[in-house]
All heavy atoms as atom14 arrays in JSON, in Angstrom:
{
  "sequence": "FGDIEGEDGVVGHDEANIGLVDCCGGKAEGRDV",
  "atom14_mask": [
    [1, 1, 1, 1, 1, 1, 1, 1, 1, 1, 1, 0, 0, 0],
    [1, 1, 1, 1, 0, 0, 0, 0, 0, 0, 0, 0, 0, 0],
    [1, 1, 1, 1, 1, 1, 1, 1, 0, 0, 0, 0, 0, 0],
    [1, 1, 1, 1, 1, 1, 1, 1, 0, 0, 0, 0, 0, 0],
    [1, 1, 1, 1, 1, 1, 1, 1, 1, 0, 0, 0, 0, 0],
    [1, 1, 1, 1, 0, 0, 0, 0, 0, 0, 0, 0, 0, 0],
    [1, 1, 1, 1, 1, 1, 1, 1, 1, 0, 0, 0, 0, 0],
    [1, 1, 1, 1, 1, 1, 1, 1, 0, 0, 0, 0, 0, 0],
    [1, 1, 1, 1, 0, 0, 0, 0, 0, 0, 0, 0, 0, 0],
    [1, 1, 1, 1, 1, 1, 1, 0, 0, 0, 0, 0, 0, 0],
    [1, 1, 1, 1, 1, 1, 1, 0, 0, 0, 0, 0, 0, 0],
    [1, 1, 1, 1, 0, 0, 0, 0, 0, 0, 0, 0, 0, 0],
    [1, 1, 1, 1, 1, 1, 1, 1, 1, 1, 0, 0, 0, 0],
    [1, 1, 1, 1, 1, 1, 1, 1, 0, 0, 0, 0, 0, 0],
    [1, 1, 1, 1, 1, 1, 1, 1, 1, 0, 0, 0, 0, 0],
    [1, 1, 1, 1, 1, 0, 0, 0, 0, 0, 0, 0, 0, 0],
    [1, 1, 1, 1, 1, 1, 1, 1, 0, 0, 0, 0, 0, 0],
    [1, 1, 1, 1, 1, 1, 1, 1, 0, 0, 0, 0, 0, 0],
    [1, 1, 1, 1, 0, 0, 0, 0, 0, 0, 0, 0, 0, 0],
    [1, 1, 1, 1, 1, 1, 1, 1, 0, 0, 0, 0, 0, 0],
    [1, 1, 1, 1, 1, 1, 1, 0, 0, 0, 0, 0, 0, 0],
    [1, 1, 1, 1, 1, 1, 1, 1, 0, 0, 0, 0, 0, 0],
    [1, 1, 1, 1, 1, 1, 0, 0, 0, 0, 0, 0, 0, 0],
    [1, 1, 1, 1, 1, 1, 0, 0, 0, 0, 0, 0, 0, 0],
    [1, 1, 1, 1, 0, 0, 0, 0, 0, 0, 0, 0, 0, 0],
    [1, 1, 1, 1, 0, 0, 0, 0, 0, 0, 0, 0, 0, 0],
    [1, 1, 1, 1, 1, 1, 1, 1, 1, 0, 0, 0, 0, 0],
    [1, 1, 1, 1, 1, 0, 0, 0, 0, 0, 0, 0, 0, 0],
    [1, 1, 1, 1, 1, 1, 1, 1, 1, 0, 0, 0, 0, 0],
    [1, 1, 1, 1, 0, 0, 0, 0, 0, 0, 0, 0, 0, 0],
    [1, 1, 1, 1, 1, 1, 1, 1, 1, 1, 1, 0, 0, 0],
    [1, 1, 1, 1, 1, 1, 1, 1, 0, 0, 0, 0, 0, 0],
    [1, 1, 1, 1, 1, 1, 1, 0, 0, 0, 0, 0, 0, 0]
  ],
  "atom14_positions": [
    [[33.94, 7.88, -87.41], [33.1, 7.21, -86.52], [33.63, 5.82, -86.3], [32.83, 5.09, -85.65], [31.61, 7.29, -87.02], [31.09, 8.65, -87.15], [30.93, 9.1, -88.39], [30.72, 9.45, -85.96], [30.36, 10.48, -88.49], [30.3, 10.61, -86.08], [30.08, 11.2, -87.25], [0.0, 0.0, 0.0], [0.0, 0.0, 0.0], [0.0, 0.0, 0.0]],
    [[34.81, 5.55, -86.65], [35.28, 4.11, -86.35], [35.88, 3.93, -84.94], [35.97, 2.82, -84.57], [0.0, 0.0, 0.0], [0.0, 0.0, 0.0], [0.0, 0.0, 0.0], [0.0, 0.0, 0.0], [0.0, 0.0, 0.0], [0.0, 0.0, 0.0], [0.0, 0.0, 0.0], [0.0, 0.0, 0.0], [0.0, 0.0, 0.0], [0.0, 0.0, 0.0]],
    [[36.07, 5.13, -84.26], [36.43, 5.13, -82.78], [37.62, 4.24, -82.62], [37.59, 3.36, -81.73], [35.22, 4.46, -82.03], [33.98, 5.37, -82.04], [34.2, 6.68, -82.25], [32.92, 4.95, -81.71], [0.0, 0.0, 0.0], [0.0, 0.0, 0.0], [0.0, 0.0, 0.0], [0.0, 0.0, 0.0], [0.0, 0.0, 0.0], [0.0, 0.0, 0.0]],
    [[38.72, 4.59, -83.21], [40.02, 3.86, -82.87], [40.97, 4.65, -81.91], [41.95, 4.09, -81.49], [40.82, 3.5, -84.22], [41.47, 4.9, -84.78], [39.98, 2.82, -85.17], [42.54, 4.48, -85.78], [0.0, 0.0, 0.0], [0.0, 0.0, 0.0], [0.0, 0.0, 0.0], [0.0, 0.0, 0.0], [0.0, 0.0, 0.0], [0.0, 0.0, 0.0]],
    [[40.49, 5.79, -81.45], [41.3, 6.64, -80.6], [41.49, 5.89, -79.29], [40.66, 5.17, -78.87], [40.75, 7.98, -80.42], [40.68, 8.97, -81.6], [39.47, 8.59, -82.55], [38.69, 7.69, -82.22], [39.36, 9.32, -83.59], [0.0, 0.0, 0.0], [0.0, 0.0, 0.0], [0.0, 0.0, 0.0], [0.0, 0.0, 0.0], [0.0, 0.0, 0.0]],
    [[42.72, 6.21, -78.72], [43.04, 5.54, -77.39], [42.26, 6.33, -76.34], [41.5, 7.34, -76.46], [0.0, 0.0, 0.0], [0.0, 0.0, 0.0], [0.0, 0.0, 0.0], [0.0, 0.0, 0.0], [0.0, 0.0, 0.0], [0.0, 0.0, 0.0], [0.0, 0.0, 0.0], [0.0, 0.0, 0.0], [0.0, 0.0, 0.0], [0.0, 0.0, 0.0]],
    [[42.55, 5.85, -75.07], [41.95, 6.43, -73.88], [42.18, 7.96, -73.74], [41.38, 8.67, -73.16], [42.41, 5.7, -72.63], [41.84, 4.28, -72.48], [42.37, 3.66, -71.19], [42.92, 4.32, -70.44], [41.96, 2.46, -71.0], [0.0, 0.0, 0.0], [0.0, 0.0, 0.0], [0.0, 0.0, 0.0], [0.0, 0.0, 0.0], [0.0, 0.0, 0.0]],
    [[43.34, 8.46, -74.36], [43.63, 9.91, -74.33], [43.0, 10.64, -75.41], [43.19, 11.76, -75.46], [45.23, 10.01, -74.42], [45.76, 9.44, -75.59], [45.01, 8.77, -76.41], [47.03, 9.55, -75.79], [0.0, 0.0, 0.0], [0.0, 0.0, 0.0], [0.0, 0.0, 0.0], [0.0, 0.0, 0.0], [0.0, 0.0, 0.0], [0.0, 0.0, 0.0]],
    [[42.15, 9.96, -76.23], [41.45, 10.64, -77.38], [42.17, 10.86, -78.57], [41.63, 11.55, -79.45], [0.0, 0.0, 0.0], [0.0, 0.0, 0.0], [0.0, 0.0, 0.0], [0.0, 0.0, 0.0], [0.0, 0.0, 0.0], [0.0, 0.0, 0.0], [0.0, 0.0, 0.0], [0.0, 0.0, 0.0], [0.0, 0.0, 0.0], [0.0, 0.0, 0.0]],
    [[43.47, 10.31, -78.66], [44.23, 10.53, -79.94], [44.63, 9.21, -80.52], [44.65, 8.11, -79.8], [45.46, 11.34, -79.67], [45.11, 12.8, -79.14], [46.3, 10.62, -78.68], [0.0, 0.0, 0.0], [0.0, 0.0, 0.0], [0.0, 0.0, 0.0], [0.0, 0.0, 0.0], [0.0, 0.0, 0.0], [0.0, 0.0, 0.0], [0.0, 0.0, 0.0]],
    [[44.98, 9.1, -81.72], [45.5, 7.92, -82.31], [47.03, 7.88, -82.05], [47.82, 8.68, -82.56], [45.24, 7.93, -83.89], [45.86, 6.64, -84.5], [43.77, 8.02, -84.09], [0.0, 0.0, 0.0], [0.0, 0.0, 0.0], [0.0, 0.0, 0.0], [0.0, 0.0, 0.0], [0.0, 0.0, 0.0], [0.0, 0.0, 0.0], [0.0, 0.0, 0.0]],
    [[47.42, 6.85, -81.23], [48.8, 6.79, -80.98], [49.39, 5.49, -81.3], [48.86, 4.78, -82.15], [0.0, 0.0, 0.0], [0.0, 0.0, 0.0], [0.0, 0.0, 0.0], [0.0, 0.0, 0.0], [0.0, 0.0, 0.0], [0.0, 0.0, 0.0], [0.0, 0.0, 0.0], [0.0, 0.0, 0.0], [0.0, 0.0, 0.0], [0.0, 0.0, 0.0]],
    [[50.66, 5.22, -80.87], [51.32, 4.04, -81.37], [50.71, 2.65, -80.95], [51.16, 1.61, -81.48], [52.83, 4.16, -80.86], [53.61, 5.21, -81.55], [54.21, 5.14, -82.81], [53.75, 6.49, -81.07], [54.74, 6.27, -83.02], [54.57, 7.15, -82.1], [0.0, 0.0, 0.0], [0.0, 0.0, 0.0], [0.0, 0.0, 0.0], [0.0, 0.0, 0.0]],
    [[49.82, 2.68, -80.06], [49.14, 1.45, -79.69], [47.86, 1.15, -80.67], [47.31, 0.04, -80.61], [48.76, 1.39, -78.29], [49.83, 1.25, -77.23], [50.83, 0.46, -77.65], [49.87, 1.8, -76.23], [0.0, 0.0, 0.0], [0.0, 0.0, 0.0], [0.0, 0.0, 0.0], [0.0, 0.0, 0.0], [0.0, 0.0, 0.0], [0.0, 0.0, 0.0]],
    [[47.54, 2.29, -81.26], [46.28, 2.17, -82.22], [46.7, 1.96, -83.65], [45.76, 1.58, -84.54], [45.39, 3.34, -81.93], [44.66, 3.35, -80.58], [45.61, 4.0, -79.44], [46.29, 5.03, -79.76], [45.56, 3.32, -78.4], [0.0, 0.0, 0.0], [0.0, 0.0, 0.0], [0.0, 0.0, 0.0], [0.0, 0.0, 0.0], [0.0, 0.0, 0.0]],
    [[47.82, 2.63, -84.01], [48.16, 2.69, -85.47], [49.7, 2.74, -85.71], [50.38, 3.0, -84.85], [47.49, 3.88, -86.04], [0.0, 0.0, 0.0], [0.0, 0.0, 0.0], [0.0, 0.0, 0.0], [0.0, 0.0, 0.0], [0.0, 0.0, 0.0], [0.0, 0.0, 0.0], [0.0, 0.0, 0.0], [0.0, 0.0, 0.0], [0.0, 0.0, 0.0]],
    [[50.07, 2.36, -86.89], [51.49, 2.66, -87.36], [51.61, 4.01, -87.64], [51.31, 4.38, -88.8], [51.87, 1.64, -88.46], [53.21, 1.76, -88.98], [54.08, 2.25, -88.31], [53.42, 1.39, -90.27], [0.0, 0.0, 0.0], [0.0, 0.0, 0.0], [0.0, 0.0, 0.0], [0.0, 0.0, 0.0], [0.0, 0.0, 0.0], [0.0, 0.0, 0.0]],
    [[52.26, 4.78, -86.78], [52.47, 6.15, -87.09], [53.86, 6.65, -86.77], [54.69, 5.86, -86.43], [51.47, 7.16, -86.24], [51.74, 6.83, -84.67], [49.93, 6.72, -86.48], [51.01, 7.88, -83.85], [0.0, 0.0, 0.0], [0.0, 0.0, 0.0], [0.0, 0.0, 0.0], [0.0, 0.0, 0.0], [0.0, 0.0, 0.0], [0.0, 0.0, 0.0]],
    [[54.11, 7.89, -87.06], [55.5, 8.39, -86.85], [55.79, 9.39, -85.76], [55.03, 9.48, -84.88], [0.0, 0.0, 0.0], [0.0, 0.0, 0.0], [0.0, 0.0, 0.0], [0.0, 0.0, 0.0], [0.0, 0.0, 0.0], [0.0, 0.0, 0.0], [0.0, 0.0, 0.0], [0.0, 0.0, 0.0], [0.0, 0.0, 0.0], [0.0, 0.0, 0.0]],
    [[56.82, 10.14, -85.96], [57.21, 11.24, -85.15], [56.11, 12.31, -85.02], [55.52, 12.67, -86.1], [58.5, 11.75, -85.48], [59.67, 10.9, -85.6], [60.84, 11.58, -86.31], [60.17, 10.58, -84.1], [0.0, 0.0, 0.0], [0.0, 0.0, 0.0], [0.0, 0.0, 0.0], [0.0, 0.0, 0.0], [0.0, 0.0, 0.0], [0.0, 0.0, 0.0]],
    [[56.01, 12.88, -83.7], [55.04, 14.09, -83.62], [55.53, 15.22, -84.42], [54.81, 15.91, -85.08], [54.89, 14.36, -82.17], [54.14, 15.6, -81.99], [54.29, 13.11, -81.3], [0.0, 0.0, 0.0], [0.0, 0.0, 0.0], [0.0, 0.0, 0.0], [0.0, 0.0, 0.0], [0.0, 0.0, 0.0], [0.0, 0.0, 0.0], [0.0, 0.0, 0.0]],
    [[56.86, 15.45, -84.36], [57.38, 16.48, -85.16], [57.81, 15.99, -86.51], [58.67, 15.22, -86.77], [58.71, 17.14, -84.49], [58.38, 17.8, -83.13], [57.3, 18.36, -82.99], [59.16, 17.62, -82.23], [0.0, 0.0, 0.0], [0.0, 0.0, 0.0], [0.0, 0.0, 0.0], [0.0, 0.0, 0.0], [0.0, 0.0, 0.0], [0.0, 0.0, 0.0]],
    [[57.01, 16.27, -87.5], [57.11, 15.72, -88.88], [58.6, 15.97, -89.4], [59.25, 16.88, -89.23], [56.22, 16.42, -89.85], [56.14, 15.93, -91.51], [0.0, 0.0, 0.0], [0.0, 0.0, 0.0], [0.0, 0.0, 0.0], [0.0, 0.0, 0.0], [0.0, 0.0, 0.0], [0.0, 0.0, 0.0], [0.0, 0.0, 0.0], [0.0, 0.0, 0.0]],
    [[59.05, 14.94, -89.98], [58.42, 13.67, -90.46], [59.37, 12.51, -90.2], [60.6, 12.73, -90.12], [58.04, 13.69, -91.83], [56.75, 15.04, -92.21], [0.0, 0.0, 0.0], [0.0, 0.0, 0.0], [0.0, 0.0, 0.0], [0.0, 0.0, 0.0], [0.0, 0.0, 0.0], [0.0, 0.0, 0.0], [0.0, 0.0, 0.0], [0.0, 0.0, 0.0]],
    [[58.91, 11.26, -90.2], [59.7, 10.07, -89.97], [59.02, 9.05, -89.16], [58.11, 9.37, -88.35], [0.0, 0.0, 0.0], [0.0, 0.0, 0.0], [0.0, 0.0, 0.0], [0.0, 0.0, 0.0], [0.0, 0.0, 0.0], [0.0, 0.0, 0.0], [0.0, 0.0, 0.0], [0.0, 0.0, 0.0], [0.0, 0.0, 0.0], [0.0, 0.0, 0.0]],
    [[59.43, 7.87, -89.33], [58.87, 6.8, -88.62], [59.32, 6.73, -87.12], [60.4, 7.31, -86.84], [0.0, 0.0, 0.0], [0.0, 0.0, 0.0], [0.0, 0.0, 0.0], [0.0, 0.0, 0.0], [0.0, 0.0, 0.0], [0.0, 0.0, 0.0], [0.0, 0.0, 0.0], [0.0, 0.0, 0.0], [0.0, 0.0, 0.0], [0.0, 0.0, 0.0]],
    [[58.63, 6.08, -86.23], [58.99, 5.76, -84.96], [58.41, 4.54, -84.4], [57.17, 4.29, -84.7], [58.45, 6.95, -84.04], [58.87, 6.95, -82.59], [58.28, 8.01, -81.75], [58.76, 8.03, -80.28], [58.22, 9.07, -79.49], [0.0, 0.0, 0.0], [0.0, 0.0, 0.0], [0.0, 0.0, 0.0], [0.0, 0.0, 0.0], [0.0, 0.0, 0.0]],
    [[59.16, 3.7, -83.71], [58.62, 2.49, -83.08], [58.39, 2.67, -81.66], [59.35, 3.17, -80.9], [59.66, 1.41, -83.29], [0.0, 0.0, 0.0], [0.0, 0.0, 0.0], [0.0, 0.0, 0.0], [0.0, 0.0, 0.0], [0.0, 0.0, 0.0], [0.0, 0.0, 0.0], [0.0, 0.0, 0.0], [0.0, 0.0, 0.0], [0.0, 0.0, 0.0]],
    [[57.17, 2.45, -81.24], [56.8, 2.61, -79.75], [55.61, 1.82, -79.44], [54.66, 1.78, -80.29], [56.56, 4.16, -79.52], [56.16, 4.56, -77.99], [56.04, 5.93, -77.75], [57.0, 6.64, -77.84], [54.85, 6.43, -77.7], [0.0, 0.0, 0.0], [0.0, 0.0, 0.0], [0.0, 0.0, 0.0], [0.0, 0.0, 0.0], [0.0, 0.0, 0.0]],
    [[55.49, 1.3, -78.32], [54.25, 0.5, -77.92], [54.01, -0.72, -78.88], [54.95, -1.52, -79.28], [0.0, 0.0, 0.0], [0.0, 0.0, 0.0], [0.0, 0.0, 0.0], [0.0, 0.0, 0.0], [0.0, 0.0, 0.0], [0.0, 0.0, 0.0], [0.0, 0.0, 0.0], [0.0, 0.0, 0.0], [0.0, 0.0, 0.0], [0.0, 0.0, 0.0]],
    [[52.81, -0.81, -79.26], [52.35, -1.8, -80.26], [52.94, -1.66, -81.59], [53.18, -2.51, -82.45], [50.94, -1.86, -80.29], [50.29, -3.16, -81.12], [48.85, -2.84, -81.39], [48.26, -4.15, -81.88], [47.6, -5.04, -81.32], [47.48, -5.02, -79.91], [47.11, -6.09, -81.87], [0.0, 0.0, 0.0], [0.0, 0.0, 0.0], [0.0, 0.0, 0.0]],
    [[53.38, -0.41, -81.89], [53.91, 0.02, -83.27], [55.42, -0.29, -83.22], [56.27, 0.48, -82.72], [53.63, 1.44, -83.49], [54.28, 2.01, -84.73], [54.66, 1.17, -85.56], [54.3, 3.24, -84.95], [0.0, 0.0, 0.0], [0.0, 0.0, 0.0], [0.0, 0.0, 0.0], [0.0, 0.0, 0.0], [0.0, 0.0, 0.0], [0.0, 0.0, 0.0]],
    [[55.78, -1.34, -83.88], [57.19, -1.82, -83.96], [57.87, -1.49, -85.27], [59.0, -2.05, -85.51], [57.48, -3.27, -83.47], [56.9, -3.51, -82.12], [56.62, -4.09, -84.42], [0.0, 0.0, 0.0], [0.0, 0.0, 0.0], [0.0, 0.0, 0.0], [0.0, 0.0, 0.0], [0.0, 0.0, 0.0], [0.0, 0.0, 0.0], [0.0, 0.0, 0.0]]
  ]
}
């Protein structure tokens, strides 16, 4: 219920430090550098 999802309804690189969609590994994109 924290509501951090983006406008597309998912947690992306502008909302969190996340990695590749195809597991596994880091990825820099958007706010996530």
